[in-house]
């Protein structure tokens, strides 16, 4: 048997942490002396502690680890599924960190050249264009920010299945229209749409008319900057929004190997602001 101090020293885990693990039912002492309350751990529990630390290093929560340790399911199967999920998440975090490093390097270079950290906005091109009426096959939902990736796949999957079933003709790339004026706890009022030639149940006319258009090449992280630039242009030139801002996905992210190959068109329908005489 090992005292809590010995166990703590071997595993490099504080006694306070071990007491907390016992409180939440993650790792109980093998024995507690009823006279003085001293806690003792078995040699076998060293392996359990090392197992807990290993899963923690993969960003498993204590609750997730507890579920694995107490599960009646085959332990290896549960661990394997969990490790696959954590690998996917860690890979996503690594990719996100790499993008941040690249962006940081660009900002450092701009500052070295005496430019503002926000000088990248100057490279965003805003064009005034007239967009013709289109017939949209669409589905509209409230979508929370963290659910967008899932919602894109689900909603466009439904739309393209309907297109295939009805033998409809796609007239232009898929698009998303944002009808909400702001984020709410319920999410954004979002319309997923595909322009089609045929008029069937579920289609509607959409006439954007005069729009500001910006072509974005690369990561979707650039989109908020485009929105800001377009709003700035509109206010400066005396325009206001007339309909939902929308994005057109010229390239399919599922078919694009690298973010640098993504092409997205951002449209902001506008009209001339009325002036009060």
C-alpha atoms as a PDB file:
ATOM      1  CA  UNK A   1       0.000   0.000   0.000  1.00  0.00           C
ATOM      2  CA  UNK A   2       1.086   3.586  -0.623  1.00  0.00           C
ATOM      3  CA  UNK A   3       0.275   6.590   1.537  1.00  0.00           C
ATOM      4  CA  UNK A   4      -1.424   9.492  -0.216  1.00  0.00           C
ATOM      5  CA  UNK A   5       1.896  11.352  -0.040  1.00  0.00           C
ATOM      6  CA  UNK A   6       3.818   8.516  -1.703  1.00  0.00           C
ATOM      7  CA  UNK A   7       1.115   8.047  -4.320  1.00  0.00           C
ATOM      8  CA  UNK A   8       1.085  11.803  -4.977  1.00  0.00           C
ATOM      9  CA  UNK A   9       4.878  11.915  -5.391  1.00  0.00           C
ATOM     10  CA  UNK A  10       5.053   8.953  -7.761  1.00  0.00           C
ATOM     11  CA  UNK A  11       2.236  10.209 -10.020  1.00  0.00           C
ATOM     12  CA  UNK A  12       3.161  13.901  -9.717  1.00  0.00           C
ATOM     13  CA  UNK A  13      -0.401  14.738  -8.675  1.00  0.00           C
ATOM     14  CA  UNK A  14      -1.109  16.921  -5.642  1.00  0.00           C
ATOM     15  CA  UNK A  15      -2.847  15.497  -2.607  1.00  0.00           C
ATOM     16  CA  UNK A  16      -5.522  18.170  -3.054  1.00  0.00           C
ATOM     17  CA  UNK A  17      -6.230  16.821  -6.557  1.00  0.00           C
ATOM     18  CA  UNK A  18      -6.415  13.243  -5.287  1.00  0.00           C
ATOM     19  CA  UNK A  19      -8.924  14.278  -2.622  1.00  0.00           C
ATOM     20  CA  UNK A  20     -10.964  16.051  -5.324  1.00  0.00           C
ATOM     21  CA  UNK A  21     -10.887  12.932  -7.524  1.00  0.00           C
ATOM     22  CA  UNK A  22     -12.315  10.983  -4.596  1.00  0.00           C
ATOM     23  CA  UNK A  23     -15.045  13.612  -4.037  1.00  0.00           C
ATOM     24  CA  UNK A  24     -16.261  13.347  -7.644  1.00  0.00           C
ATOM     25  CA  UNK A  25     -16.025   9.555  -7.697  1.00  0.00           C
ATOM     26  CA  UNK A  26     -13.170   9.371 -10.180  1.00  0.00           C
ATOM     27  CA  UNK A  27     -10.544   7.644  -8.023  1.00  0.00           C
ATOM     28  CA  UNK A  28     -11.206   6.482  -4.459  1.00  0.00           C
ATOM     29  CA  UNK A  29      -8.433   5.532  -2.019  1.00  0.00           C
ATOM     30  CA  UNK A  30      -8.070   1.793  -1.685  1.00  0.00           C
ATOM     31  CA  UNK A  31      -8.231   2.149   2.085  1.00  0.00           C
ATOM     32  CA  UNK A  32      -8.926   4.868   4.653  1.00  0.00           C
ATOM     33  CA  UNK A  33      -7.744   4.424   8.242  1.00  0.00           C
ATOM     34  CA  UNK A  34     -10.893   4.887  10.386  1.00  0.00           C
ATOM     35  CA  UNK A  35      -8.878   6.154  13.368  1.00  0.00           C
ATOM     36  CA  UNK A  36      -6.894   8.968  11.734  1.00  0.00           C
ATOM     37  CA  UNK A  37      -8.464   9.314   8.274  1.00  0.00           C
ATOM     38  CA  UNK A  38      -5.172   8.596   6.485  1.00  0.00           C
ATOM     39  CA  UNK A  39      -5.674   7.540   2.885  1.00  0.00           C
ATOM     40  CA  UNK A  40      -3.855   4.700   1.181  1.00  0.00           C
ATOM     41  CA  UNK A  41      -3.684   3.612  -2.439  1.00  0.00           C
ATOM     42  CA  UNK A  42      -2.833   0.229  -3.910  1.00  0.00           C
ATOM     43  CA  UNK A  43       0.001  -0.349  -6.353  1.00  0.00           C
ATOM     44  CA  UNK A  44      -2.613  -1.274  -8.998  1.00  0.00           C
ATOM     45  CA  UNK A  45      -4.091   2.217  -8.705  1.00  0.00           C
ATOM     46  CA  UNK A  46      -0.881   3.719 -10.072  1.00  0.00           C
ATOM     47  CA  UNK A  47      -1.898   2.342 -13.472  1.00  0.00           C
ATOM     48  CA  UNK A  48      -5.361   3.903 -13.123  1.00  0.00           C
ATOM     49  CA  UNK A  49      -3.829   7.270 -12.231  1.00  0.00           C
ATOM     50  CA  UNK A  50      -1.496   7.109 -15.237  1.00  0.00           C
ATOM     51  CA  UNK A  51      -4.507   6.246 -17.406  1.00  0.00           C
ATOM     52  CA  UNK A  52      -6.398   9.290 -16.106  1.00  0.00           C
ATOM     53  CA  UNK A  53      -3.427  11.570 -16.794  1.00  0.00           C
ATOM     54  CA  UNK A  54      -3.021  10.185 -20.291  1.00  0.00           C
ATOM     55  CA  UNK A  55      -6.643  10.889 -21.189  1.00  0.00           C
ATOM     56  CA  UNK A  56      -6.379  14.358 -19.621  1.00  0.00           C
ATOM     57  CA  UNK A  57      -3.435  15.080 -21.921  1.00  0.00           C
ATOM     58  CA  UNK A  58      -5.809  14.428 -24.836  1.00  0.00           C
ATOM     59  CA  UNK A  59      -8.265  16.970 -23.389  1.00  0.00           C
ATOM     60  CA  UNK A  60     -10.785  14.469 -22.060  1.00  0.00           C
ATOM     61  CA  UNK A  61     -12.849  16.082 -19.304  1.00  0.00           C
ATOM     62  CA  UNK A  62     -12.907  14.467 -15.865  1.00  0.00           C
ATOM     63  CA  UNK A  63     -16.555  13.597 -16.451  1.00  0.00           C
ATOM     64  CA  UNK A  64     -15.669  11.863 -19.735  1.00  0.00           C
ATOM     65  CA  UNK A  65     -12.879   9.915 -18.019  1.00  0.00           C
ATOM     66  CA  UNK A  66     -15.219   8.901 -15.217  1.00  0.00           C
ATOM     67  CA  UNK A  67     -17.749   7.612 -17.750  1.00  0.00           C
ATOM     68  CA  UNK A  68     -15.049   5.485 -19.388  1.00  0.00           C
ATOM     69  CA  UNK A  69     -13.845   4.077 -16.042  1.00  0.00           C
ATOM     70  CA  UNK A  70     -17.364   3.251 -14.810  1.00  0.00           C
ATOM     71  CA  UNK A  71     -18.931   2.203 -18.121  1.00  0.00           C
ATOM     72  CA  UNK A  72     -20.346  -1.270 -18.510  1.00  0.00           C
ATOM     73  CA  UNK A  73     -19.455  -1.170 -22.215  1.00  0.00           C
ATOM     74  CA  UNK A  74     -16.169  -2.752 -23.352  1.00  0.00           C
ATOM     75  CA  UNK A  75     -13.575  -0.226 -22.192  1.00  0.00           C
ATOM     76  CA  UNK A  76     -11.338  -0.427 -25.270  1.00  0.00           C
ATOM     77  CA  UNK A  77     -14.238   0.252 -27.647  1.00  0.00           C
ATOM     78  CA  UNK A  78     -15.302   3.343 -25.697  1.00  0.00           C
ATOM     79  CA  UNK A  79     -11.715   4.601 -25.498  1.00  0.00           C
ATOM     80  CA  UNK A  80     -11.139   4.045 -29.217  1.00  0.00           C
ATOM     81  CA  UNK A  81     -14.230   6.050 -30.166  1.00  0.00           C
ATOM     82  CA  UNK A  82     -13.270   8.782 -27.728  1.00  0.00           C
ATOM     83  CA  UNK A  83      -9.697   8.959 -29.009  1.00  0.00           C
ATOM     84  CA  UNK A  84     -10.925   9.329 -32.591  1.00  0.00           C
ATOM     85  CA  UNK A  85     -13.089  12.281 -31.543  1.00  0.00           C
ATOM     86  CA  UNK A  86     -10.239  13.917 -29.604  1.00  0.00           C
ATOM     87  CA  UNK A  87      -7.836  13.410 -32.502  1.00  0.00           C
ATOM     88  CA  UNK A  88     -10.269  15.161 -34.825  1.00  0.00           C
ATOM     89  CA  UNK A  89     -10.689  18.035 -32.364  1.00  0.00           C
ATOM     90  CA  UNK A  90      -6.943  18.402 -31.744  1.00  0.00           C
ATOM     91  CA  UNK A  91      -6.302  18.410 -35.478  1.00  0.00           C
ATOM     92  CA  UNK A  92      -8.910  21.147 -35.907  1.00  0.00           C
ATOM     93  CA  UNK A  93      -7.242  23.160 -33.135  1.00  0.00           C
ATOM     94  CA  UNK A  94      -3.830  22.707 -34.793  1.00  0.00           C
ATOM     95  CA  UNK A  95      -5.193  23.920 -38.123  1.00  0.00           C
ATOM     96  CA  UNK A  96      -6.797  26.901 -36.390  1.00  0.00           C
ATOM     97  CA  UNK A  97      -3.531  27.682 -34.606  1.00  0.00           C
ATOM     98  CA  UNK A  98      -1.636  27.515 -37.918  1.00  0.00           C
ATOM     99  CA  UNK A  99      -4.072  29.991 -39.480  1.00  0.00           C
ATOM    100  CA  UNK A 100      -3.583  32.319 -36.519  1.00  0.00           C
ATOM    101  CA  UNK A 101       0.195  32.103 -36.918  1.00  0.00           C
ATOM    102  CA  UNK A 102      -0.043  32.936 -40.620  1.00  0.00           C
ATOM    103  CA  UNK A 103      -2.324  35.883 -39.888  1.00  0.00           C
ATOM    104  CA  UNK A 104      -0.022  37.044 -37.099  1.00  0.00           C
ATOM    105  CA  UNK A 105       2.970  36.894 -39.456  1.00  0.00           C
ATOM    106  CA  UNK A 106       1.094  39.086 -41.954  1.00  0.00           C
ATOM    107  CA  UNK A 107       0.309  41.612 -39.231  1.00  0.00           C
ATOM    108  CA  UNK A 108       3.937  41.643 -38.075  1.00  0.00           C
ATOM    109  CA  UNK A 109       5.105  42.228 -41.654  1.00  0.00           C
ATOM    110  CA  UNK A 110       2.656  45.110 -42.094  1.00  0.00           C
ATOM    111  CA  UNK A 111       3.824  46.709 -38.865  1.00  0.00           C
ATOM    112  CA  UNK A 112       7.474  46.324 -39.914  1.00  0.00           C
ATOM    113  CA  UNK A 113       6.611  48.181 -43.118  1.00  0.00           C
ATOM    114  CA  UNK A 114       5.008  50.997 -41.158  1.00  0.00           C
ATOM    115  CA  UNK A 115       1.453  49.969 -42.040  1.00  0.00           C
ATOM    116  CA  UNK A 116      -1.523  49.654 -39.708  1.00  0.00           C
ATOM    117  CA  UNK A 117      -2.455  46.210 -38.453  1.00  0.00           C
ATOM    118  CA  UNK A 118      -5.827  46.849 -40.125  1.00  0.00           C
ATOM    119  CA  UNK A 119      -4.330  47.818 -43.484  1.00  0.00           C
ATOM    120  CA  UNK A 120      -5.502  44.493 -44.956  1.00  0.00           C
ATOM    121  CA  UNK A 121      -8.964  46.076 -45.250  1.00  0.00           C
ATOM    122  CA  UNK A 122      -7.613  48.270 -48.051  1.00  0.00           C
ATOM    123  CA  UNK A 123      -7.203  45.156 -50.215  1.00  0.00           C
ATOM    124  CA  UNK A 124     -10.891  44.203 -50.013  1.00  0.00           C
ATOM    125  CA  UNK A 125     -12.542  45.129 -53.314  1.00  0.00           C
ATOM    126  CA  UNK A 126     -16.163  46.286 -53.270  1.00  0.00           C
ATOM    127  CA  UNK A 127     -18.050  46.489 -56.577  1.00  0.00           C
ATOM    128  CA  UNK A 128     -21.489  47.880 -57.385  1.00  0.00           C
ATOM    129  CA  UNK A 129     -23.446  45.408 -59.503  1.00  0.00           C
ATOM    130  CA  UNK A 130     -26.988  44.604 -60.622  1.00  0.00           C
ATOM    131  CA  UNK A 131     -28.151  41.050 -59.879  1.00  0.00           C
ATOM    132  CA  UNK A 132     -31.044  39.554 -61.842  1.00  0.00           C
ATOM    133  CA  UNK A 133     -34.072  37.820 -60.340  1.00  0.00           C
ATOM    134  CA  UNK A 134     -33.585  34.158 -59.480  1.00  0.00           C
ATOM    135  CA  UNK A 135     -35.810  31.261 -58.458  1.00  0.00           C
ATOM    136  CA  UNK A 136     -34.656  29.754 -55.173  1.00  0.00           C
ATOM    137  CA  UNK A 137     -35.324  26.297 -53.789  1.00  0.00           C
ATOM    138  CA  UNK A 138     -34.709  26.942 -50.116  1.00  0.00           C
ATOM    139  CA  UNK A 139     -35.104  25.945 -46.483  1.00  0.00           C
ATOM    140  CA  UNK A 140     -35.068  28.475 -43.650  1.00  0.00           C
ATOM    141  CA  UNK A 141     -33.972  27.770 -40.080  1.00  0.00           C
ATOM    142  CA  UNK A 142     -32.744  29.445 -36.901  1.00  0.00           C
ATOM    143  CA  UNK A 143     -29.104  28.381 -36.565  1.00  0.00           C
ATOM    144  CA  UNK A 144     -26.795  29.005 -33.626  1.00  0.00           C
ATOM    145  CA  UNK A 145     -23.216  30.001 -34.361  1.00  0.00           C
ATOM    146  CA  UNK A 146     -21.703  26.708 -33.201  1.00  0.00           C
ATOM    147  CA  UNK A 147     -24.170  24.723 -35.316  1.00  0.00           C
ATOM    148  CA  UNK A 148     -23.455  26.312 -38.701  1.00  0.00           C
ATOM    149  CA  UNK A 149     -21.111  23.625 -40.052  1.00  0.00           C
ATOM    150  CA  UNK A 150     -23.647  20.892 -39.250  1.00  0.00           C
ATOM    151  CA  UNK A 151     -26.576  22.969 -40.553  1.00  0.00           C
ATOM    152  CA  UNK A 152     -24.826  23.646 -43.889  1.00  0.00           C
ATOM    153  CA  UNK A 153     -24.339  19.944 -44.520  1.00  0.00           C
ATOM    154  CA  UNK A 154     -27.825  18.942 -43.363  1.00  0.00           C
ATOM    155  CA  UNK A 155     -29.791  21.668 -45.174  1.00  0.00           C
ATOM    156  CA  UNK A 156     -27.909  21.546 -48.462  1.00  0.00           C
ATOM    157  CA  UNK A 157     -28.130  17.761 -48.337  1.00  0.00           C
ATOM    158  CA  UNK A 158     -31.916  18.022 -48.156  1.00  0.00           C
ATOM    159  CA  UNK A 159     -32.037  20.559 -50.988  1.00  0.00           C
ATOM    160  CA  UNK A 160     -29.843  18.588 -53.366  1.00  0.00           C
ATOM    161  CA  UNK A 161     -31.785  15.415 -52.593  1.00  0.00           C
ATOM    162  CA  UNK A 162     -34.984  17.257 -53.552  1.00  0.00           C
ATOM    163  CA  UNK A 163     -33.291  18.496 -56.730  1.00  0.00           C
ATOM    164  CA  UNK A 164     -32.276  14.943 -57.623  1.00  0.00           C
ATOM    165  CA  UNK A 165     -35.706  13.494 -56.820  1.00  0.00           C
ATOM    166  CA  UNK A 166     -37.522  16.173 -58.826  1.00  0.00           C
ATOM    167  CA  UNK A 167     -34.986  16.153 -61.664  1.00  0.00           C
ATOM    168  CA  UNK A 168     -34.605  19.915 -61.247  1.00  0.00           C
ATOM    169  CA  UNK A 169     -31.996  22.001 -63.062  1.00  0.00           C
ATOM    170  CA  UNK A 170     -29.479  23.869 -60.929  1.00  0.00           C
ATOM    171  CA  UNK A 171     -29.062  27.392 -62.313  1.00  0.00           C
ATOM    172  CA  UNK A 172     -26.259  28.717 -60.075  1.00  0.00           C
ATOM    173  CA  UNK A 173     -24.066  27.730 -57.116  1.00  0.00           C
ATOM    174  CA  UNK A 174     -25.643  27.248 -53.659  1.00  0.00           C
ATOM    175  CA  UNK A 175     -26.063  30.259 -51.421  1.00  0.00           C
ATOM    176  CA  UNK A 176     -27.000  31.276 -47.884  1.00  0.00           C
ATOM    177  CA  UNK A 177     -29.085  34.336 -47.024  1.00  0.00           C
ATOM    178  CA  UNK A 178     -28.865  35.899 -43.570  1.00  0.00           C
ATOM    179  CA  UNK A 179     -32.188  37.450 -42.548  1.00  0.00           C
ATOM    180  CA  UNK A 180     -31.314  38.278 -38.935  1.00  0.00           C
ATOM    181  CA  UNK A 181     -30.184  41.748 -37.987  1.00  0.00           C
ATOM    182  CA  UNK A 182     -28.150  40.391 -35.060  1.00  0.00           C
ATOM    183  CA  UNK A 183     -27.128  37.248 -33.206  1.00  0.00           C
ATOM    184  CA  UNK A 184     -29.652  36.036 -30.629  1.00  0.00           C
ATOM    185  CA  UNK A 185     -29.629  33.126 -28.157  1.00  0.00           C
ATOM    186  CA  UNK A 186     -31.856  31.311 -30.659  1.00  0.00           C
ATOM    187  CA  UNK A 187     -29.341  31.854 -33.465  1.00  0.00           C
ATOM    188  CA  UNK A 188     -29.494  33.483 -36.882  1.00  0.00           C
ATOM    189  CA  UNK A 189     -32.492  33.426 -39.191  1.00  0.00           C
ATOM    190  CA  UNK A 190     -30.748  31.633 -42.065  1.00  0.00           C
ATOM    191  CA  UNK A 191     -32.001  30.589 -45.490  1.00  0.00           C
ATOM    192  CA  UNK A 192     -30.115  27.858 -47.337  1.00  0.00           C
ATOM    193  CA  UNK A 193     -30.876  28.051 -51.047  1.00  0.00           C
ATOM    194  CA  UNK A 194     -30.039  26.671 -54.479  1.00  0.00           C
ATOM    195  CA  UNK A 195     -31.133  28.608 -57.613  1.00  0.00           C
ATOM    196  CA  UNK A 196     -33.105  26.311 -59.951  1.00  0.00           C
ATOM    197  CA  UNK A 197     -34.861  26.805 -63.289  1.00  0.00           C
ATOM    198  CA  UNK A 198     -38.140  25.036 -62.457  1.00  0.00           C
ATOM    199  CA  UNK A 199     -40.918  26.473 -60.284  1.00  0.00           C
ATOM    200  CA  UNK A 200     -42.047  23.822 -57.806  1.00  0.00           C
ATOM    201  CA  UNK A 201     -43.277  23.593 -54.222  1.00  0.00           C
ATOM    202  CA  UNK A 202     -40.585  25.089 -52.005  1.00  0.00           C
ATOM    203  CA  UNK A 203     -39.244  27.634 -54.498  1.00  0.00           C
ATOM    204  CA  UNK A 204     -39.586  31.410 -54.332  1.00  0.00           C
ATOM    205  CA  UNK A 205     -38.571  34.452 -56.352  1.00  0.00           C
ATOM    206  CA  UNK A 206     -35.620  36.467 -55.116  1.00  0.00           C
ATOM    207  CA  UNK A 207     -34.743  39.811 -56.702  1.00  0.00           C
ATOM    208  CA  UNK A 208     -31.563  41.199 -55.164  1.00  0.00           C
ATOM    209  CA  UNK A 209     -31.325  44.074 -57.638  1.00  0.00           C
ATOM    210  CA  UNK A 210     -28.550  46.556 -56.886  1.00  0.00           C
ATOM    211  CA  UNK A 211     -25.856  44.924 -54.738  1.00  0.00           C
ATOM    212  CA  UNK A 212     -22.395  45.408 -53.391  1.00  0.00           C
ATOM    213  CA  UNK A 213     -20.290  42.412 -54.415  1.00  0.00           C
ATOM    214  CA  UNK A 214     -16.971  41.159 -53.095  1.00  0.00           C
ATOM    215  CA  UNK A 215     -15.160  38.030 -54.256  1.00  0.00           C
ATOM    216  CA  UNK A 216     -13.363  36.268 -51.402  1.00  0.00           C
ATOM    217  CA  UNK A 217     -10.572  33.823 -52.154  1.00  0.00           C
ATOM    218  CA  UNK A 218      -9.489  31.587 -49.304  1.00  0.00           C
ATOM    219  CA  UNK A 219     -10.649  31.092 -45.737  1.00  0.00           C
ATOM    220  CA  UNK A 220     -14.162  31.913 -44.534  1.00  0.00           C
ATOM    221  CA  UNK A 221     -12.446  33.747 -41.665  1.00  0.00           C
ATOM    222  CA  UNK A 222     -12.180  36.707 -44.036  1.00  0.00           C
ATOM    223  CA  UNK A 223     -15.961  37.117 -44.336  1.00  0.00           C
ATOM    224  CA  UNK A 224     -16.588  39.378 -41.294  1.00  0.00           C
ATOM    225  CA  UNK A 225     -14.018  41.835 -42.667  1.00  0.00           C
ATOM    226  CA  UNK A 226     -15.865  41.835 -45.994  1.00  0.00           C
ATOM    227  CA  UNK A 227     -19.187  42.548 -44.272  1.00  0.00           C
ATOM    228  CA  UNK A 228     -17.582  45.470 -42.430  1.00  0.00           C
ATOM    229  CA  UNK A 229     -15.986  46.852 -45.597  1.00  0.00           C
ATOM    230  CA  UNK A 230     -19.253  46.668 -47.546  1.00  0.00           C
ATOM    231  CA  UNK A 231     -21.194  48.433 -44.771  1.00  0.00           C
ATOM    232  CA  UNK A 232     -18.526  51.117 -44.608  1.00  0.00           C
ATOM    233  CA  UNK A 233     -18.729  51.613 -48.410  1.00  0.00           C
ATOM    234  CA  UNK A 234     -22.538  51.786 -48.306  1.00  0.00           C
ATOM    235  CA  UNK A 235     -22.640  54.379 -45.542  1.00  0.00           C
ATOM    236  CA  UNK A 236     -19.961  56.501 -47.189  1.00  0.00           C
ATOM    237  CA  UNK A 237     -21.799  56.513 -50.526  1.00  0.00           C
ATOM    238  CA  UNK A 238     -25.273  57.054 -49.065  1.00  0.00           C
ATOM    239  CA  UNK A 239     -26.796  53.570 -49.391  1.00  0.00           C
ATOM    240  CA  UNK A 240     -28.702  51.345 -46.968  1.00  0.00           C
ATOM    241  CA  UNK A 241     -29.525  47.640 -47.006  1.00  0.00           C
ATOM    242  CA  UNK A 242     -32.602  46.597 -48.981  1.00  0.00           C
ATOM    243  CA  UNK A 243     -32.655  42.819 -48.474  1.00  0.00           C
ATOM    244  CA  UNK A 244     -30.789  39.944 -46.812  1.00  0.00           C
ATOM    245  CA  UNK A 245     -27.024  39.835 -47.199  1.00  0.00           C
ATOM    246  CA  UNK A 246     -26.079  36.570 -48.884  1.00  0.00           C
ATOM    247  CA  UNK A 247     -23.065  34.423 -49.735  1.00  0.00           C
ATOM    248  CA  UNK A 248     -22.630  32.361 -52.901  1.00  0.00           C
ATOM    249  CA  UNK A 249     -20.333  29.333 -52.661  1.00  0.00           C
ATOM    250  CA  UNK A 250     -18.645  29.209 -56.053  1.00  0.00           C
ATOM    251  CA  UNK A 251     -16.483  26.302 -54.918  1.00  0.00           C
ATOM    252  CA  UNK A 252     -17.734  23.423 -52.778  1.00  0.00           C
ATOM    253  CA  UNK A 253     -15.691  23.218 -49.535  1.00  0.00           C
ATOM    254  CA  UNK A 254     -16.262  19.463 -49.476  1.00  0.00           C
ATOM    255  CA  UNK A 255     -14.556  19.200 -52.876  1.00  0.00           C
ATOM    256  CA  UNK A 256     -11.752  21.694 -52.151  1.00  0.00           C
ATOM    257  CA  UNK A 257      -8.568  20.168 -50.776  1.00  0.00           C
ATOM    258  CA  UNK A 258      -7.198  23.410 -49.337  1.00  0.00           C
ATOM    259  CA  UNK A 259      -8.818  26.596 -48.051  1.00  0.00           C
ATOM    260  CA  UNK A 260      -6.767  28.635 -50.491  1.00  0.00           C
ATOM    261  CA  UNK A 261      -8.911  27.151 -53.266  1.00  0.00           C
ATOM    262  CA  UNK A 262     -12.204  28.393 -51.806  1.00  0.00           C
ATOM    263  CA  UNK A 263     -14.070  31.084 -53.744  1.00  0.00           C
ATOM    264  CA  UNK A 264     -17.012  32.844 -52.105  1.00  0.00           C
ATOM    265  CA  UNK A 265     -19.024  35.782 -53.406  1.00  0.00           C
ATOM    266  CA  UNK A 266     -20.587  38.111 -50.835  1.00  0.00           C
ATOM    267  CA  UNK A 267     -23.592  40.213 -51.899  1.00  0.00           C
ATOM    268  CA  UNK A 268     -25.192  43.052 -49.951  1.00  0.00           C
ATOM    269  CA  UNK A 269     -28.447  44.248 -51.584  1.00  0.00           C
ATOM    270  CA  UNK A 270     -28.704  48.045 -51.243  1.00  0.00           C
ATOM    271  CA  UNK A 271     -30.766  51.050 -52.187  1.00  0.00           C
ATOM    272  CA  UNK A 272     -30.100  54.772 -52.125  1.00  0.00           C
ATOM    273  CA  UNK A 273     -30.840  56.259 -48.726  1.00  0.00           C
ATOM    274  CA  UNK A 274     -33.648  58.791 -48.672  1.00  0.00           C
ATOM    275  CA  UNK A 275     -32.560  62.273 -47.724  1.00  0.00           C
ATOM    276  CA  UNK A 276     -34.760  64.542 -45.664  1.00  0.00           C
ATOM    277  CA  UNK A 277     -35.108  67.989 -47.105  1.00  0.00           C
END
